Protein backbone atom coordinates (compact mmCIF):
# COMPACT_ATOMS: atom_id res chain seq x y z
CA MET A 1 10.44 17.59 -25.31
CA SER A 2 13.25 15.54 -26.89
CA ASN A 3 16.85 16.83 -26.85
CA THR A 4 17.41 15.66 -30.43
CA SER A 5 17.27 18.20 -33.25
CA PRO A 6 13.78 18.80 -34.62
CA PRO A 7 12.98 17.69 -38.20
CA GLU A 8 13.87 20.08 -41.02
CA GLY A 9 11.52 23.05 -41.14
CA TYR A 10 10.22 22.48 -37.58
CA LEU A 11 11.03 24.43 -34.42
CA PHE A 12 10.27 21.51 -32.10
CA SER A 13 9.80 17.77 -32.35
CA LYS A 14 6.75 16.73 -34.32
CA ARG A 15 5.11 15.42 -31.14
CA TYR A 16 5.54 18.69 -29.25
CA THR A 17 4.52 20.66 -32.33
CA ALA A 18 1.29 18.64 -32.45
CA TYR A 19 0.68 19.36 -28.75
CA VAL A 20 1.02 23.13 -29.25
CA PHE A 21 -1.14 22.93 -32.38
CA ILE A 22 -3.92 21.15 -30.45
CA LEU A 23 -3.91 23.87 -27.79
CA LEU A 24 -4.02 26.58 -30.47
CA TRP A 25 -6.87 24.71 -32.18
CA LEU A 26 -8.87 24.41 -28.96
CA LEU A 27 -8.44 28.09 -28.14
CA TYR A 28 -9.69 29.08 -31.60
CA PHE A 29 -12.61 26.70 -31.16
CA PHE A 30 -13.63 28.20 -27.80
CA ASP A 31 -12.98 31.70 -29.17
CA TYR A 32 -15.80 31.17 -31.67
CA VAL A 33 -18.05 29.29 -29.25
CA ASP A 34 -17.98 32.32 -26.96
CA ARG A 35 -18.29 34.73 -29.89
CA MET A 36 -21.29 33.08 -31.59
CA VAL A 37 -23.32 31.59 -28.73
CA VAL A 38 -25.43 34.76 -28.69
CA ILE A 39 -26.96 33.89 -32.08
CA SER A 40 -29.02 31.01 -30.68
CA LEU A 41 -30.19 33.31 -27.89
CA PHE A 42 -31.78 35.86 -30.24
CA PRO A 43 -35.35 34.52 -29.77
CA PHE A 44 -34.99 34.69 -25.98
CA LEU A 45 -33.57 38.22 -26.10
CA ARG A 46 -36.28 39.36 -28.53
CA ALA A 47 -38.95 37.95 -26.20
CA GLU A 48 -37.46 39.38 -23.00
CA TRP A 49 -36.10 42.72 -24.21
CA GLY A 50 -37.99 43.29 -27.49
CA LEU A 51 -34.87 43.52 -29.64
CA THR A 52 -35.00 44.12 -33.42
CA ASP A 53 -33.00 42.15 -36.00
CA ALA A 54 -30.61 45.10 -36.31
CA GLN A 55 -29.99 45.12 -32.53
CA CYS A 56 -29.41 41.37 -32.55
CA GLY A 57 -26.95 41.82 -35.39
CA ALA A 58 -25.21 44.55 -33.40
CA LEU A 59 -24.52 42.09 -30.58
CA VAL A 60 -22.51 40.03 -33.05
CA SER A 61 -20.88 43.08 -34.62
CA ALA A 62 -19.82 44.46 -31.22
CA VAL A 63 -17.14 41.78 -30.96
CA TYR A 64 -15.76 42.67 -34.37
CA TRP A 65 -15.74 46.41 -33.67
CA ALA A 66 -13.61 45.78 -30.57
CA ILE A 67 -11.30 43.53 -32.59
CA VAL A 68 -10.86 46.32 -35.13
CA LEU A 69 -9.82 48.79 -32.42
CA PHE A 70 -7.44 46.55 -30.49
CA SER A 71 -5.94 44.09 -33.01
CA PHE A 72 -3.10 46.34 -34.12
CA PRO A 73 -1.73 47.42 -30.72
CA VAL A 74 -2.07 43.87 -29.38
CA SER A 75 -0.29 42.44 -32.44
CA ILE A 76 2.70 44.69 -31.75
CA LEU A 77 2.85 43.20 -28.25
CA ILE A 78 2.67 39.71 -29.74
CA ASP A 79 5.46 40.24 -32.27
CA ARG A 80 7.77 42.18 -29.95
CA TRP A 81 7.09 40.44 -26.60
CA SER A 82 5.64 36.94 -26.36
CA ARG A 83 3.12 34.91 -28.31
CA LYS A 84 2.21 32.49 -25.52
CA LYS A 85 1.83 35.12 -22.78
CA SER A 86 -0.22 37.46 -24.98
CA ILE A 87 -2.49 34.66 -26.15
CA GLY A 88 -2.96 33.29 -22.62
CA ILE A 89 -3.91 36.69 -21.21
CA MET A 90 -6.34 37.36 -24.06
CA ALA A 91 -8.04 33.98 -23.70
CA VAL A 92 -8.57 34.51 -19.97
CA LEU A 93 -10.07 37.94 -20.69
CA TRP A 94 -12.53 36.82 -23.36
CA SER A 95 -13.65 33.86 -21.22
CA LEU A 96 -14.37 36.09 -18.21
CA ALA A 97 -16.17 38.59 -20.43
CA THR A 98 -18.42 35.79 -21.70
CA VAL A 99 -19.29 34.90 -18.12
CA ALA A 100 -20.12 38.58 -17.51
CA CYS A 101 -22.75 38.43 -20.29
CA ALA A 102 -24.83 36.17 -18.04
CA PHE A 103 -25.27 38.96 -15.49
CA THR A 104 -26.42 41.75 -17.84
CA LYS A 105 -29.84 43.34 -17.32
CA ASN A 106 -30.49 45.11 -20.65
CA PHE A 107 -29.29 45.51 -24.24
CA SER A 108 -26.72 48.21 -23.42
CA GLN A 109 -25.04 46.12 -20.72
CA LEU A 110 -24.94 43.05 -22.95
CA PHE A 111 -23.54 45.14 -25.80
CA ILE A 112 -20.71 46.37 -23.54
CA ALA A 113 -19.95 42.84 -22.35
CA ARG A 114 -19.80 41.69 -25.97
CA ILE A 115 -17.29 44.47 -26.69
CA ALA A 116 -15.17 43.13 -23.82
CA ILE A 117 -15.19 39.70 -25.49
CA GLY A 118 -13.85 41.36 -28.64
CA VAL A 119 -11.09 43.09 -26.67
CA GLY A 120 -9.93 39.71 -25.42
CA GLU A 121 -10.16 38.08 -28.84
CA ALA A 122 -8.48 40.97 -30.67
CA GLY A 123 -5.01 39.48 -30.91
CA TYR A 124 -5.69 35.76 -30.97
CA ALA A 125 -5.94 35.29 -34.73
CA PRO A 126 -2.72 37.30 -35.41
CA GLY A 127 -0.85 35.61 -32.56
CA GLY A 128 -2.05 32.13 -33.39
CA THR A 129 -1.32 32.60 -37.10
CA ALA A 130 2.23 33.76 -36.34
CA MET A 131 2.80 30.69 -34.13
CA ILE A 132 1.37 28.30 -36.72
CA SER A 133 3.62 29.85 -39.39
CA ALA A 134 6.67 29.30 -37.17
CA LEU A 135 5.80 25.77 -36.05
CA TYR A 136 5.59 24.13 -39.49
CA PRO A 137 7.56 24.18 -42.76
CA GLU A 138 6.53 26.92 -45.21
CA LYS A 139 5.52 24.40 -47.87
CA LYS A 140 2.82 23.04 -45.51
CA ARG A 141 1.61 26.44 -44.31
CA ALA A 142 -1.73 26.66 -46.15
CA MET A 143 -2.68 23.07 -45.26
CA ILE A 144 -1.89 23.52 -41.56
CA VAL A 145 -3.67 26.85 -41.45
CA GLY A 146 -6.61 25.08 -43.09
CA LEU A 147 -6.69 22.44 -40.36
CA TRP A 148 -6.43 25.15 -37.71
CA ASN A 149 -9.31 27.08 -39.27
CA VAL A 150 -11.58 24.03 -39.09
CA SER A 151 -12.00 25.13 -35.47
CA ILE A 152 -13.81 28.31 -36.57
CA PRO A 153 -16.98 26.82 -38.08
CA LEU A 154 -16.94 24.00 -35.54
CA GLY A 155 -16.81 26.60 -32.78
CA MET A 156 -19.54 28.65 -34.42
CA ALA A 157 -21.74 25.59 -34.85
CA ALA A 158 -21.08 24.38 -31.32
CA GLY A 159 -21.82 27.83 -29.90
CA ILE A 160 -25.13 28.04 -31.71
CA VAL A 161 -26.25 24.48 -30.88
CA LEU A 162 -25.06 24.48 -27.26
CA GLY A 163 -26.47 27.95 -26.65
CA GLY A 164 -29.89 26.90 -27.88
CA LEU A 165 -29.92 23.66 -25.90
CA ILE A 166 -28.71 25.23 -22.66
CA ALA A 167 -31.07 28.19 -23.00
CA ALA A 168 -34.04 25.92 -23.64
CA HIS A 169 -33.36 23.92 -20.47
CA TRP A 170 -31.88 26.40 -18.01
CA GLY A 171 -32.31 29.86 -19.52
CA TRP A 172 -30.18 32.05 -21.77
CA ARG A 173 -27.99 33.40 -18.95
CA HIS A 174 -26.66 29.93 -18.16
CA ALA A 175 -25.63 29.52 -21.82
CA PHE A 176 -23.04 32.28 -21.49
CA GLY A 177 -21.64 30.99 -18.22
CA ILE A 178 -21.32 27.33 -19.19
CA VAL A 179 -19.64 27.76 -22.59
CA ALA A 180 -16.96 30.09 -21.13
CA LEU A 181 -15.40 27.59 -18.72
CA PRO A 182 -13.52 25.18 -21.08
CA GLY A 183 -11.71 28.04 -22.83
CA LEU A 184 -10.58 29.42 -19.50
CA ILE A 185 -8.97 26.06 -18.62
CA VAL A 186 -7.09 25.83 -21.94
CA ALA A 187 -5.96 29.46 -21.57
CA ILE A 188 -4.24 28.65 -18.27
CA ILE A 189 -2.48 25.62 -19.78
CA PHE A 190 -1.21 27.75 -22.66
CA PHE A 191 0.97 29.87 -20.37
CA PHE A 192 3.28 26.86 -19.92
CA ILE A 193 4.10 25.99 -23.55
CA LYS A 194 7.36 26.85 -25.36
CA ASP A 195 7.41 29.78 -27.79
CA TYR A 196 9.86 30.90 -30.46
CA LYS A 197 12.31 33.68 -29.69
CA THR A 198 11.19 37.16 -30.69
CA VAL A 199 12.57 38.03 -34.13
CA GLY A 200 14.72 41.14 -34.49
CA LEU A 201 13.41 43.67 -36.99
CA GLU A 202 16.48 43.81 -39.22
CA LYS A 203 16.90 43.88 -42.97
CA ALA A 204 19.81 43.17 -45.29
CA VAL A 205 21.41 46.19 -46.91
CA ASN A 206 23.81 44.54 -49.37
CA ARG A 207 21.96 41.60 -50.83
CA THR A 208 22.98 42.73 -54.35
CA THR A 209 26.71 42.91 -53.54
CA GLU A 210 29.07 41.62 -56.24
CA ILE A 211 31.56 40.31 -53.69
CA GLU A 212 31.21 36.53 -53.65
CA ASN A 213 30.32 34.99 -50.27
CA ALA A 214 30.36 38.42 -48.59
CA PRO A 215 28.38 38.44 -45.34
CA SER A 216 25.09 40.29 -45.58
CA LEU A 217 25.08 43.47 -43.54
CA LYS A 218 22.00 44.10 -41.44
CA LYS A 219 20.37 47.25 -40.19
CA GLN A 220 17.52 47.88 -37.80
CA MET A 221 14.26 48.53 -39.61
CA SER A 222 12.91 52.02 -39.11
CA LYS A 223 9.22 52.83 -38.81
CA MET A 224 9.29 53.91 -42.45
CA ASP A 225 10.89 50.58 -43.42
CA ILE A 226 8.08 48.76 -41.63
CA PHE A 227 5.50 50.94 -43.35
CA ARG A 228 7.07 50.19 -46.75
CA GLU A 229 7.06 46.47 -45.94
CA PHE A 230 3.28 46.60 -46.19
CA ALA A 231 2.61 49.54 -48.50
CA ARG A 232 4.89 48.20 -51.23
CA THR A 233 3.48 44.67 -51.20
CA PRO A 234 0.45 44.77 -53.54
CA SER A 235 -0.36 41.06 -53.25
CA LEU A 236 -0.74 41.55 -49.48
CA LEU A 237 -2.93 44.66 -49.78
CA LEU A 238 -5.19 43.01 -52.36
CA THR A 239 -5.46 39.93 -50.13
CA TYR A 240 -6.62 42.16 -47.27
CA LEU A 241 -9.33 43.58 -49.55
CA GLY A 242 -10.37 40.09 -50.62
CA PHE A 243 -11.06 39.17 -47.00
CA ILE A 244 -13.73 41.89 -46.71
CA GLY A 245 -16.38 40.40 -48.96
CA MET A 246 -15.81 36.85 -47.77
CA MET A 247 -16.18 37.77 -44.12
CA PHE A 248 -19.23 39.93 -44.87
CA LEU A 249 -20.92 36.93 -46.50
CA THR A 250 -19.77 34.32 -43.97
CA ILE A 251 -20.85 36.23 -40.87
CA SER A 252 -24.13 37.32 -42.48
CA ILE A 253 -24.97 33.73 -43.41
CA SER A 254 -24.02 32.30 -40.01
CA THR A 255 -25.95 35.03 -38.19
CA PHE A 256 -29.20 34.99 -40.18
CA LEU A 257 -29.49 31.58 -41.83
CA PRO A 258 -31.34 30.21 -38.76
CA THR A 259 -33.75 33.16 -39.09
CA TYR A 260 -34.15 32.38 -42.81
CA PHE A 261 -35.07 28.74 -42.17
CA GLU A 262 -37.43 29.75 -39.36
CA ARG A 263 -39.28 32.49 -41.25
CA VAL A 264 -39.24 31.31 -44.86
CA HIS A 265 -39.67 27.58 -44.36
CA GLY A 266 -41.45 27.62 -41.00
CA LEU A 267 -38.93 25.39 -39.22
CA PRO A 268 -38.68 25.32 -35.43
CA LEU A 269 -35.64 27.12 -34.02
CA SER A 270 -33.95 23.89 -32.93
CA LYS A 271 -34.05 22.48 -36.47
CA ALA A 272 -33.13 25.84 -38.04
CA THR A 273 -29.99 26.10 -35.91
CA LEU A 274 -29.14 22.45 -36.59
CA LEU A 275 -29.35 22.97 -40.37
CA THR A 276 -27.23 26.12 -40.12
CA SER A 277 -24.66 24.25 -38.09
CA GLY A 278 -24.51 21.62 -40.83
CA VAL A 279 -23.64 24.30 -43.39
CA MET A 280 -20.89 25.69 -41.17
CA LEU A 281 -19.55 22.21 -40.44
CA MET A 282 -18.70 21.86 -44.13
CA ALA A 283 -15.53 23.74 -43.22
CA ILE A 284 -14.28 20.43 -41.84
CA PHE A 285 -13.79 19.57 -45.51
CA GLY A 286 -13.48 22.99 -47.13
CA SER A 287 -10.76 24.55 -44.97
CA PRO A 288 -8.07 21.83 -45.20
CA LEU A 289 -9.16 20.98 -48.77
CA GLY A 290 -8.50 24.54 -49.93
CA GLY A 291 -5.09 24.56 -48.23
CA TRP A 292 -4.16 21.14 -49.60
CA ILE A 293 -5.09 22.13 -53.16
CA ALA A 294 -3.20 25.42 -52.87
CA ASP A 295 -0.02 23.85 -51.45
CA GLY A 296 -0.07 21.10 -54.08
CA TRP A 297 -0.79 23.46 -56.99
CA MET A 298 1.88 25.86 -55.73
CA LYS A 299 4.57 23.33 -56.71
CA LYS A 300 3.67 24.03 -60.34
CA LYS A 301 2.18 27.54 -60.15
CA ILE A 302 3.69 29.84 -57.54
CA GLN A 303 0.62 32.10 -57.26
CA ALA A 304 -1.70 29.14 -56.62
CA ARG A 305 -2.66 30.22 -53.10
CA LEU A 306 -4.38 33.37 -54.34
CA LEU A 307 -5.87 31.67 -57.39
CA VAL A 308 -7.51 29.07 -55.13
CA ALA A 309 -8.90 31.91 -53.00
CA SER A 310 -10.29 33.66 -56.09
CA ILE A 311 -12.02 30.54 -57.42
CA SER A 312 -13.41 29.67 -54.00
CA ALA A 313 -14.87 33.16 -53.48
CA PHE A 314 -16.62 33.06 -56.87
CA MET A 315 -18.10 29.63 -56.19
CA ALA A 316 -19.36 30.72 -52.75
CA ALA A 317 -21.25 33.66 -54.25
CA VAL A 318 -22.86 31.54 -56.96
CA LEU A 319 -23.82 28.62 -54.70
CA PHE A 320 -25.37 30.67 -51.88
CA PHE A 321 -27.29 32.88 -54.30
CA ALA A 322 -28.60 29.78 -56.08
CA ALA A 323 -29.64 28.14 -52.80
CA LEU A 324 -31.58 31.24 -51.72
CA ASN A 325 -33.62 31.07 -54.92
CA PHE A 326 -35.21 27.75 -53.93
CA SER A 327 -38.56 29.00 -52.67
CA SER A 328 -39.81 25.57 -51.60
CA GLY A 329 -36.70 24.47 -49.71
CA GLY A 330 -36.11 20.74 -49.56
CA ALA A 331 -33.11 18.44 -49.90
CA VAL A 332 -31.76 19.90 -53.14
CA GLN A 333 -31.65 23.40 -51.68
CA TYR A 334 -29.86 22.16 -48.59
CA VAL A 335 -27.24 20.30 -50.66
CA VAL A 336 -26.50 23.56 -52.49
CA PHE A 337 -26.20 25.33 -49.12
CA LEU A 338 -23.73 22.63 -48.02
CA LEU A 339 -21.64 23.09 -51.16
CA GLY A 340 -21.71 26.82 -50.50
CA GLY A 341 -20.44 26.12 -47.00
CA ILE A 342 -17.41 24.32 -48.45
CA ALA A 343 -16.63 27.11 -50.93
CA ALA A 344 -17.16 29.83 -48.30
CA ILE A 345 -14.18 28.60 -46.26
CA ALA A 346 -11.91 26.94 -48.85
CA TRP A 347 -10.34 30.32 -49.69
CA ALA A 348 -9.27 31.17 -46.13
CA SER A 349 -6.33 28.85 -45.49
CA SER A 350 -4.41 29.91 -48.59
CA ALA A 351 -5.27 33.61 -48.19
CA ILE A 352 -4.14 33.59 -44.55
CA ALA A 353 -0.92 31.86 -45.60
CA VAL A 354 -0.26 34.71 -48.04
CA THR A 355 -0.40 37.24 -45.18
CA GLN A 356 2.55 35.34 -43.66
CA ASP A 357 4.40 34.49 -46.88
CA VAL A 358 5.13 37.98 -48.16
CA VAL A 359 6.21 39.87 -45.00
CA HIS A 360 9.25 39.94 -42.72
CA PRO A 361 9.00 37.04 -40.18
CA GLY A 362 9.16 39.57 -37.34
CA LEU A 363 6.01 41.26 -38.62
CA ARG A 364 3.73 38.26 -39.12
CA ALA A 365 1.34 38.96 -36.25
CA ILE A 366 1.10 42.61 -37.31
CA SER A 367 0.46 41.51 -40.90
CA TYR A 368 -2.48 39.37 -39.94
CA ALA A 369 -3.67 42.01 -37.46
CA LEU A 370 -3.93 44.49 -40.34
CA CYS A 371 -5.88 41.85 -42.22
CA VAL A 372 -8.15 41.30 -39.21
CA ILE A 373 -8.77 45.05 -38.91
CA THR A 374 -9.65 45.34 -42.59
CA GLN A 375 -11.91 42.30 -42.73
CA ASN A 376 -13.70 43.13 -39.50
CA LEU A 377 -14.08 46.87 -40.03
CA LEU A 378 -15.52 46.54 -43.54
CA GLY A 379 -16.69 42.91 -43.51
CA SER A 380 -17.52 41.05 -40.30
CA SER A 381 -18.78 44.04 -38.31
CA LEU A 382 -20.87 45.42 -41.16
CA GLY A 383 -22.31 42.10 -42.31
CA PRO A 384 -24.75 41.41 -39.45
CA VAL A 385 -25.83 45.05 -39.08
CA VAL A 386 -26.30 45.75 -42.81
CA THR A 387 -27.93 42.39 -43.49
CA GLY A 388 -30.14 42.80 -40.42
CA ALA A 389 -31.23 46.27 -41.55
CA LEU A 390 -31.89 45.00 -45.09
CA SER A 391 -33.91 42.16 -43.58
CA ASP A 392 -36.02 44.60 -41.57
CA ARG A 393 -36.78 46.50 -44.78
CA TYR A 394 -36.83 43.94 -47.62
CA GLY A 395 -37.12 40.54 -45.92
CA ILE A 396 -34.57 37.97 -44.91
CA THR A 397 -34.27 36.25 -48.31
CA ALA A 398 -33.54 39.44 -50.23
CA ALA A 399 -31.07 40.55 -47.57
CA LEU A 400 -29.03 37.36 -47.81
CA GLN A 401 -29.15 37.45 -51.62
CA MET A 402 -27.69 40.96 -51.55
CA ALA A 403 -24.90 39.73 -49.30
CA CYS A 404 -23.84 37.33 -52.07
CA VAL A 405 -22.57 40.25 -54.16
CA MET A 406 -19.67 40.82 -51.76
CA PRO A 407 -17.67 37.62 -52.46
CA LEU A 408 -17.70 38.42 -56.19
CA CYS A 409 -15.63 41.51 -55.37
CA SER A 410 -13.33 39.33 -53.25
CA SER A 411 -12.78 36.99 -56.17
CA VAL A 412 -11.51 39.90 -58.28
CA PHE A 413 -9.18 41.16 -55.53
CA PHE A 414 -7.63 37.73 -54.95
CA TYR A 415 -7.04 37.28 -58.68
CA LEU A 416 -5.37 40.68 -59.00
CA GLY A 417 -3.21 39.86 -55.95
CA SER A 418 -2.00 36.67 -57.62
CA ARG A 419 -0.43 38.75 -60.39
CA PHE A 420 1.99 40.34 -57.87
CA TYR A 421 2.59 37.37 -55.55
CA LYS A 422 5.86 35.97 -56.97
CA LYS A 423 7.57 39.35 -57.08
CA ASP A 424 6.51 40.11 -53.50
CA LEU A 425 7.61 36.67 -52.29
CA ASP A 426 11.08 37.05 -53.81
CA LYS A 427 11.84 40.22 -51.85
CA VAL A 428 10.94 38.83 -48.37
CA GLU A 429 13.77 38.90 -45.81
CA LYS A 430 15.08 35.41 -44.98
CA VAL A 431 15.24 34.95 -41.21
CA ALA A 432 15.80 31.68 -39.31
CA LEU A 433 13.52 31.27 -36.30
CA THR A 434 14.82 29.69 -33.08
CA ALA A 435 12.96 28.04 -30.23
CA GLU A 436 12.99 29.11 -26.61
CA THR A 437 15.33 27.12 -24.39
């Protein structure tokens, strides 16, 4: 890394920043490959173990239940200890847990192994988000988060496609083992990057002083101060609620859209998973596009990040519901699905940025951990199970149509949050981050 001062707003040189960003991107990519590879293995597990749709959905939900339980304590470790060490340890754990899935003998064992994957992945999103927020200038935050989040649908799509291909040639057990190895390699490399110094939890106590140029006194934040940091920030709380419906829809669609294409339109599994991957790959455009629009609009309208999230959530609900009403399928239906794929991720970059914008810099990992807990407890973990159960009872089309109600609620929450955003942003403690030497 160069000895010259980094550009304004950066912790490191742009070249080293890009290097760290690439490693963070790759870890997020392999995080979702390992998380979602099981979806393409559903037909093999149904054939070998006689699993129901609800049980298959539970194998996806197991990861999210573990994330719910462990995100908060791990995020404290991230904020108060080390981002790079925490992330490296977690990535090694989730990779090894994925390998362990290959050696399971029944549903219960596989379910436990999937929980172990979730334990490893519990703190990655909070830790990675905190690092991204520190690496780049605040004015670029939504755009960079958007580029980082491109790794999510790409990882999901790669997991589904690779899992199906490997399982078809060598068996489903090999799929788990093979996809786990690249993430393990990147995890080891990550231990050797530079981090930013842990931020002290202090707050100013005389910011309203009438004495000109008086130094601002600081005091250590108490547990109650930390609690108030979140409880008295309505734009943040409403953003958390907005995540619920979007994650419910996104995980339900990614989990059961291959089943929809297979059952409703009679497509072979290989083509069904390929079409689903195409929908998820729309995030290549949707994720950075949403962040770019939000950052640009924010120059004129301060609450733009949450307004973009609100509009995106509404469009996702409308487009997916419309696509599911095409009984004959065809090219037009698939185009609508693709547009839905763009809208279903365009909200995320700006909403994630909000979770970092309106809190003390020393609490950023905890802030996103609380968001992760909320979205996974009431969104991601419930989506596959509820949608799977509705599918067992009413059919796959009706189940996915019902899931489209959830993002409409998210749209309302994001809009309400935008009404409080400027006031919450103005009261955030200003803290300069410094790089490790």
